[in-house]
Structure formats: C-alpha cells, structure tokens
Amino acid sequence: MKSNVGGIDRVLRILVGVVLIALAATGTIGWWGWLGLVPLLTGLFSVCPMYSLLGMNSCPLKKNS
C-alpha cells in the first residue's frame, strides 16, 4: 500500500495510540482505550485506510528531479 500518513500526523497518531493503550493497561480508562491500537498501527505503517477511502493524503509531495 502507498503511504498516505506523513510527518506531524504520523507522530501524533503514534503518541495518541501509546497514551490510550497505556491508560487502558493501567485501568485508568475502560476497554475502549485498546482502540489506541488503530492510530498506533496507522502511524507506524504510515497507511490509513480511511484516508484512502476519502482520497486524503498528509504525506508531502515528492519532487521529480
């Protein structure tokens, strides 16, 4: 699959995912915190299926040299 998550978007997804998973693991929030796996994985792999469906892309344009 083509990367469609870039830069700041990727970092924020990873941070949000890790925080949600940590809060769920410590019992601070309920089971829904494990949904943090979704932003974590989309950030790690730089691919968001929802972005593909909506035709969105946060990766910078590549210059042809």
PDB file of N, CA and C in Angstrom:
ATOM      1  N   MET A   1       0.836  -1.183   0.000  1.00  0.00           N
ATOM      2  CA  MET A   1       0.000   0.000   0.000  1.00  0.00           C
ATOM      3  C   MET A   1       0.874   1.237   0.000  1.00  0.00           C
ATOM      4  N   LYS A   2       0.336   2.293  -0.584  1.00  0.00           N
ATOM      5  CA  LYS A   2       1.048   3.547  -0.666  1.00  0.00           C
ATOM      6  C   LYS A   2       0.912   4.330   0.641  1.00  0.00           C
ATOM      7  N   SER A   3       1.985   4.936   1.091  1.00  0.00           N
ATOM      8  CA  SER A   3       1.942   5.748   2.310  1.00  0.00           C
ATOM      9  C   SER A   3       1.043   6.958   2.096  1.00  0.00           C
ATOM     10  N   ASN A   4       0.170   7.224   3.069  1.00  0.00           N
ATOM     11  CA  ASN A   4      -0.679   8.408   2.979  1.00  0.00           C
ATOM     12  C   ASN A   4      -0.745   9.167   4.308  1.00  0.00           C
ATOM     13  N   VAL A   5       0.120   8.800   5.240  1.00  0.00           N
ATOM     14  CA  VAL A   5       0.200   9.483   6.534  1.00  0.00           C
ATOM     15  C   VAL A   5       1.640   9.970   6.686  1.00  0.00           C
ATOM     16  N   GLY A   6       1.806  11.260   6.857  1.00  0.00           N
ATOM     17  CA  GLY A   6       3.163  11.779   6.939  1.00  0.00           C
ATOM     18  C   GLY A   6       3.391  12.697   8.119  1.00  0.00           C
ATOM     19  N   GLY A   7       4.641  12.966   8.377  1.00  0.00           N
ATOM     20  CA  GLY A   7       5.123  13.950   9.330  1.00  0.00           C
ATOM     21  C   GLY A   7       4.434  14.033  10.672  1.00  0.00           C
ATOM     22  N   ILE A   8       3.876  15.216  10.926  1.00  0.00           N
ATOM     23  CA  ILE A   8       3.250  15.503  12.214  1.00  0.00           C
ATOM     24  C   ILE A   8       2.068  14.575  12.456  1.00  0.00           C
ATOM     25  N   ASP A   9       1.308  14.283  11.415  1.00  0.00           N
ATOM     26  CA  ASP A   9       0.152  13.379  11.526  1.00  0.00           C
ATOM     27  C   ASP A   9       0.604  12.027  12.066  1.00  0.00           C
ATOM     28  N   ARG A  10       1.702  11.528  11.562  1.00  0.00           N
ATOM     29  CA  ARG A  10       2.233  10.228  11.973  1.00  0.00           C
ATOM     30  C   ARG A  10       2.657  10.243  13.444  1.00  0.00           C
ATOM     31  N   VAL A  11       3.382  11.263  13.836  1.00  0.00           N
ATOM     32  CA  VAL A  11       3.854  11.384  15.225  1.00  0.00           C
ATOM     33  C   VAL A  11       2.675  11.480  16.191  1.00  0.00           C
ATOM     34  N   LEU A  12       1.680  12.291  15.840  1.00  0.00           N
ATOM     35  CA  LEU A  12       0.508  12.440  16.711  1.00  0.00           C
ATOM     36  C   LEU A  12      -0.265  11.133  16.840  1.00  0.00           C
ATOM     37  N   ARG A  13      -0.403  10.388  15.753  1.00  0.00           N
ATOM     38  CA  ARG A  13      -1.101   9.103  15.804  1.00  0.00           C
ATOM     39  C   ARG A  13      -0.385   8.134  16.747  1.00  0.00           C
ATOM     40  N   ILE A  14       0.933   8.078  16.642  1.00  0.00           N
ATOM     41  CA  ILE A  14       1.714   7.172  17.494  1.00  0.00           C
ATOM     42  C   ILE A  14       1.573   7.574  18.956  1.00  0.00           C
ATOM     43  N   LEU A  15       1.694   8.866  19.259  1.00  0.00           N
ATOM     44  CA  LEU A  15       1.580   9.336  20.642  1.00  0.00           C
ATOM     45  C   LEU A  15       0.193   9.061  21.227  1.00  0.00           C
ATOM     46  N   VAL A  16      -0.843   9.374  20.472  1.00  0.00           N
ATOM     47  CA  VAL A  16      -2.210   9.140  20.946  1.00  0.00           C
ATOM     48  C   VAL A  16      -2.434   7.645  21.175  1.00  0.00           C
ATOM     49  N   GLY A  17      -1.958   6.824  20.257  1.00  0.00           N
ATOM     50  CA  GLY A  17      -2.112   5.383  20.397  1.00  0.00           C
ATOM     51  C   GLY A  17      -1.433   4.849  21.641  1.00  0.00           C
ATOM     52  N   VAL A  18      -0.209   5.262  21.866  1.00  0.00           N
ATOM     53  CA  VAL A  18       0.550   4.790  23.035  1.00  0.00           C
ATOM     54  C   VAL A  18      -0.120   5.252  24.330  1.00  0.00           C
ATOM     55  N   VAL A  19      -0.564   6.505  24.373  1.00  0.00           N
ATOM     56  CA  VAL A  19      -1.218   7.024  25.581  1.00  0.00           C
ATOM     57  C   VAL A  19      -2.505   6.258  25.872  1.00  0.00           C
ATOM     58  N   LEU A  20      -3.341   6.047  24.854  1.00  0.00           N
ATOM     59  CA  LEU A  20      -4.593   5.313  25.070  1.00  0.00           C
ATOM     60  C   LEU A  20      -4.344   3.885  25.548  1.00  0.00           C
ATOM     61  N   ILE A  21      -3.378   3.218  24.943  1.00  0.00           N
ATOM     62  CA  ILE A  21      -3.060   1.838  25.336  1.00  0.00           C
ATOM     63  C   ILE A  21      -2.534   1.808  26.769  1.00  0.00           C
ATOM     64  N   ALA A  22      -1.666   2.760  27.114  1.00  0.00           N
ATOM     65  CA  ALA A  22      -1.123   2.816  28.477  1.00  0.00           C
ATOM     66  C   ALA A  22      -2.233   3.066  29.497  1.00  0.00           C
ATOM     67  N   LEU A  23      -3.155   3.963  29.188  1.00  0.00           N
ATOM     68  CA  LEU A  23      -4.258   4.249  30.106  1.00  0.00           C
ATOM     69  C   LEU A  23      -5.176   3.041  30.257  1.00  0.00           C
ATOM     70  N   ALA A  24      -5.395   2.309  29.179  1.00  0.00           N
ATOM     71  CA  ALA A  24      -6.229   1.101  29.249  1.00  0.00           C
ATOM     72  C   ALA A  24      -5.519   0.012  30.042  1.00  0.00           C
ATOM     73  N   ALA A  25      -4.226  -0.134  29.846  1.00  0.00           N
ATOM     74  CA  ALA A  25      -3.458  -1.177  30.530  1.00  0.00           C
ATOM     75  C   ALA A  25      -3.384  -0.939  32.037  1.00  0.00           C
ATOM     76  N   THR A  26      -3.395   0.328  32.438  1.00  0.00           N
ATOM     77  CA  THR A  26      -3.325   0.640  33.866  1.00  0.00           C
ATOM     78  C   THR A  26      -4.703   0.711  34.512  1.00  0.00           C
ATOM     79  N   GLY A  27      -5.751   0.567  33.715  1.00  0.00           N
ATOM     80  CA  GLY A  27      -7.105   0.596  34.253  1.00  0.00           C
ATOM     81  C   GLY A  27      -7.653   1.989  34.476  1.00  0.00           C
ATOM     82  N   THR A  28      -6.957   3.002  33.995  1.00  0.00           N
ATOM     83  CA  THR A  28      -7.408   4.378  34.155  1.00  0.00           C
ATOM     84  C   THR A  28      -8.669   4.636  33.337  1.00  0.00           C
ATOM     85  N   ILE A  29      -8.710   4.069  32.142  1.00  0.00           N
ATOM     86  CA  ILE A  29      -9.898   4.171  31.297  1.00  0.00           C
ATOM     87  C   ILE A  29     -10.364   2.762  30.967  1.00  0.00           C
ATOM     88  N   GLY A  30     -11.524   2.657  30.398  1.00  0.00           N
ATOM     89  CA  GLY A  30     -12.106   1.344  30.104  1.00  0.00           C
ATOM     90  C   GLY A  30     -11.452   0.627  28.931  1.00  0.00           C
ATOM     91  N   TRP A  31     -12.138  -0.421  28.502  1.00  0.00           N
ATOM     92  CA  TRP A  31     -11.646  -1.268  27.423  1.00  0.00           C
ATOM     93  C   TRP A  31     -11.447  -0.502  26.125  1.00  0.00           C
ATOM     94  N   TRP A  32     -12.194   0.573  25.932  1.00  0.00           N
ATOM     95  CA  TRP A  32     -12.120   1.315  24.682  1.00  0.00           C
ATOM     96  C   TRP A  32     -10.730   1.920  24.448  1.00  0.00           C
ATOM     97  N   GLY A  33      -9.933   2.025  25.490  1.00  0.00           N
ATOM     98  CA  GLY A  33      -8.574   2.538  25.338  1.00  0.00           C
ATOM     99  C   GLY A  33      -7.717   1.669  24.441  1.00  0.00           C
ATOM    100  N   TRP A  34      -8.100   0.391  24.345  1.00  0.00           N
ATOM    101  CA  TRP A  34      -7.350  -0.520  23.466  1.00  0.00           C
ATOM    102  C   TRP A  34      -7.567  -0.174  21.999  1.00  0.00           C
ATOM    103  N   LEU A  35      -8.554   0.666  21.714  1.00  0.00           N
ATOM    104  CA  LEU A  35      -8.734   1.153  20.344  1.00  0.00           C
ATOM    105  C   LEU A  35      -7.551   2.028  19.919  1.00  0.00           C
ATOM    106  N   GLY A  36      -6.711   2.367  20.878  1.00  0.00           N
ATOM    107  CA  GLY A  36      -5.483   3.098  20.577  1.00  0.00           C
ATOM    108  C   GLY A  36      -4.557   2.321  19.650  1.00  0.00           C
ATOM    109  N   LEU A  37      -4.827   1.025  19.503  1.00  0.00           N
ATOM    110  CA  LEU A  37      -4.045   0.226  18.555  1.00  0.00           C
ATOM    111  C   LEU A  37      -4.223   0.736  17.128  1.00  0.00           C
ATOM    112  N   VAL A  38      -5.396   1.251  16.818  1.00  0.00           N
ATOM    113  CA  VAL A  38      -5.670   1.732  15.458  1.00  0.00           C
ATOM    114  C   VAL A  38      -4.768   2.913  15.093  1.00  0.00           C
ATOM    115  N   PRO A  39      -4.776   4.016  15.867  1.00  0.00           N
ATOM    116  CA  PRO A  39      -3.868   5.104  15.492  1.00  0.00           C
ATOM    117  C   PRO A  39      -2.394   4.713  15.601  1.00  0.00           C
ATOM    118  N   LEU A  40      -2.062   3.839  16.555  1.00  0.00           N
ATOM    119  CA  LEU A  40      -0.674   3.404  16.689  1.00  0.00           C
ATOM    120  C   LEU A  40      -0.216   2.676  15.426  1.00  0.00           C
ATOM    121  N   LEU A  41      -0.991   1.727  14.964  1.00  0.00           N
ATOM    122  CA  LEU A  41      -0.608   0.956  13.774  1.00  0.00           C
ATOM    123  C   LEU A  41      -0.625   1.804  12.507  1.00  0.00           C
ATOM    124  N   THR A  42      -1.614   2.680  12.364  1.00  0.00           N
ATOM    125  CA  THR A  42      -1.634   3.532  11.168  1.00  0.00           C
ATOM    126  C   THR A  42      -0.446   4.493  11.174  1.00  0.00           C
ATOM    127  N   GLY A  43      -0.027   4.930  12.351  1.00  0.00           N
ATOM    128  CA  GLY A  43       1.156   5.788  12.444  1.00  0.00           C
ATOM    129  C   GLY A  43       2.438   5.035  12.162  1.00  0.00           C
ATOM    130  N   LEU A  44       2.550   3.822  12.683  1.00  0.00           N
ATOM    131  CA  LEU A  44       3.770   3.039  12.469  1.00  0.00           C
ATOM    132  C   LEU A  44       3.941   2.615  11.011  1.00  0.00           C
ATOM    133  N   PHE A  45       2.836   2.265  10.356  1.00  0.00           N
ATOM    134  CA  PHE A  45       2.915   1.800   8.979  1.00  0.00           C
ATOM    135  C   PHE A  45       2.696   2.915   7.952  1.00  0.00           C
ATOM    136  N   SER A  46       2.378   4.115   8.404  1.00  0.00           N
ATOM    137  CA  SER A  46       2.151   5.281   7.537  1.00  0.00           C
ATOM    138  C   SER A  46       1.048   5.066   6.514  1.00  0.00           C
ATOM    139  N   VAL A  47       0.078   4.224   6.843  1.00  0.00           N
ATOM    140  CA  VAL A  47      -1.043   3.961   5.933  1.00  0.00           C
ATOM    141  C   VAL A  47      -2.340   4.017   6.731  1.00  0.00           C
ATOM    142  N   CYS A  48      -3.268   4.836   6.254  1.00  0.00           N
ATOM    143  CA  CYS A  48      -4.579   4.929   6.888  1.00  0.00           C
ATOM    144  C   CYS A  48      -5.644   4.548   5.860  1.00  0.00           C
ATOM    145  N   PRO A  49      -6.322   3.414   6.071  1.00  0.00           N
ATOM    146  CA  PRO A  49      -7.356   3.006   5.125  1.00  0.00           C
ATOM    147  C   PRO A  49      -8.458   4.054   4.953  1.00  0.00           C
ATOM    148  N   MET A  50      -8.810   4.769   6.001  1.00  0.00           N
ATOM    149  CA  MET A  50      -9.855   5.788   5.907  1.00  0.00           C
ATOM    150  C   MET A  50      -9.396   6.935   4.999  1.00  0.00           C
ATOM    151  N   TYR A  51      -8.140   7.316   5.087  1.00  0.00           N
ATOM    152  CA  TYR A  51      -7.605   8.344   4.201  1.00  0.00           C
ATOM    153  C   TYR A  51      -7.735   7.885   2.752  1.00  0.00           C
ATOM    154  N   SER A  52      -7.443   6.611   2.483  1.00  0.00           N
ATOM    155  CA  SER A  52      -7.554   6.086   1.126  1.00  0.00           C
ATOM    156  C   SER A  52      -8.987   6.173   0.624  1.00  0.00           C
ATOM    157  N   LEU A  53      -9.946   5.806   1.470  1.00  0.00           N
ATOM    158  CA  LEU A  53     -11.356   5.866   1.078  1.00  0.00           C
ATOM    159  C   LEU A  53     -11.817   7.293   0.796  1.00  0.00           C
ATOM    160  N   LEU A  54     -11.300   8.238   1.563  1.00  0.00           N
ATOM    161  CA  LEU A  54     -11.704   9.634   1.412  1.00  0.00           C
ATOM    162  C   LEU A  54     -10.835  10.417   0.431  1.00  0.00           C
ATOM    163  N   GLY A  55      -9.789   9.769  -0.093  1.00  0.00           N
ATOM    164  CA  GLY A  55      -8.897  10.432  -1.038  1.00  0.00           C
ATOM    165  C   GLY A  55      -7.990  11.464  -0.394  1.00  0.00           C
ATOM    166  N   MET A  56      -7.702  11.279   0.882  1.00  0.00           N
ATOM    167  CA  MET A  56      -6.857  12.221   1.616  1.00  0.00           C
ATOM    168  C   MET A  56      -5.419  11.725   1.652  1.00  0.00           C
ATOM    169  N   ASN A  57      -4.493  12.642   1.924  1.00  0.00           N
ATOM    170  CA  ASN A  57      -3.085  12.296   1.997  1.00  0.00           C
ATOM    171  C   ASN A  57      -2.379  13.400   2.781  1.00  0.00           C
ATOM    172  N   SER A  58      -1.638  13.037   3.831  1.00  0.00           N
ATOM    173  CA  SER A  58      -0.899  14.050   4.595  1.00  0.00           C
ATOM    174  C   SER A  58       0.601  13.941   4.364  1.00  0.00           C
ATOM    175  N   CYS A  59       0.988  13.088   3.409  1.00  0.00           N
ATOM    176  CA  CYS A  59       2.416  12.981   3.058  1.00  0.00           C
ATOM    177  C   CYS A  59       2.798  14.170   2.181  1.00  0.00           C
ATOM    178  N   PRO A  60       4.023  14.661   2.360  1.00  0.00           N
ATOM    179  CA  PRO A  60       4.479  15.752   1.497  1.00  0.00           C
ATOM    180  C   PRO A  60       4.646  15.247   0.060  1.00  0.00           C
ATOM    181  N   LEU A  61       4.472  16.136  -0.879  1.00  0.00           N
ATOM    182  CA  LEU A  61       4.657  15.783  -2.288  1.00  0.00           C
ATOM    183  C   LEU A  61       6.128  15.507  -2.574  1.00  0.00           C
ATOM    184  N   LYS A  62       6.375  14.502  -3.384  1.00  0.00           N
ATOM    185  CA  LYS A  62       7.743  14.182  -3.777  1.00  0.00           C
ATOM    186  C   LYS A  62       8.087  14.970  -5.029  1.00  0.00           C
ATOM    187  N   LYS A  63       9.275  15.573  -5.042  1.00  0.00           N
ATOM    188  CA  LYS A  63       9.699  16.361  -6.204  1.00  0.00           C
ATOM    189  C   LYS A  63      10.360  15.438  -7.212  1.00  0.00           C
ATOM    190  N   ASN A  64      10.056  15.653  -8.461  1.00  0.00           N
ATOM    191  CA  ASN A  64      10.704  14.883  -9.539  1.00  0.00           C
ATOM    192  C   ASN A  64      11.957  15.610  -9.945  1.00  0.00           C
ATOM    193  N   SER A  65      13.110  14.988  -9.750  1.00  0.00           N
ATOM    194  CA  SER A  65      14.376  15.646 -10.094  1.00  0.00           C
ATOM    195  C   SER A  65      14.992  14.980 -11.287  1.00  0.00           C
TER     196      SER A  65
END
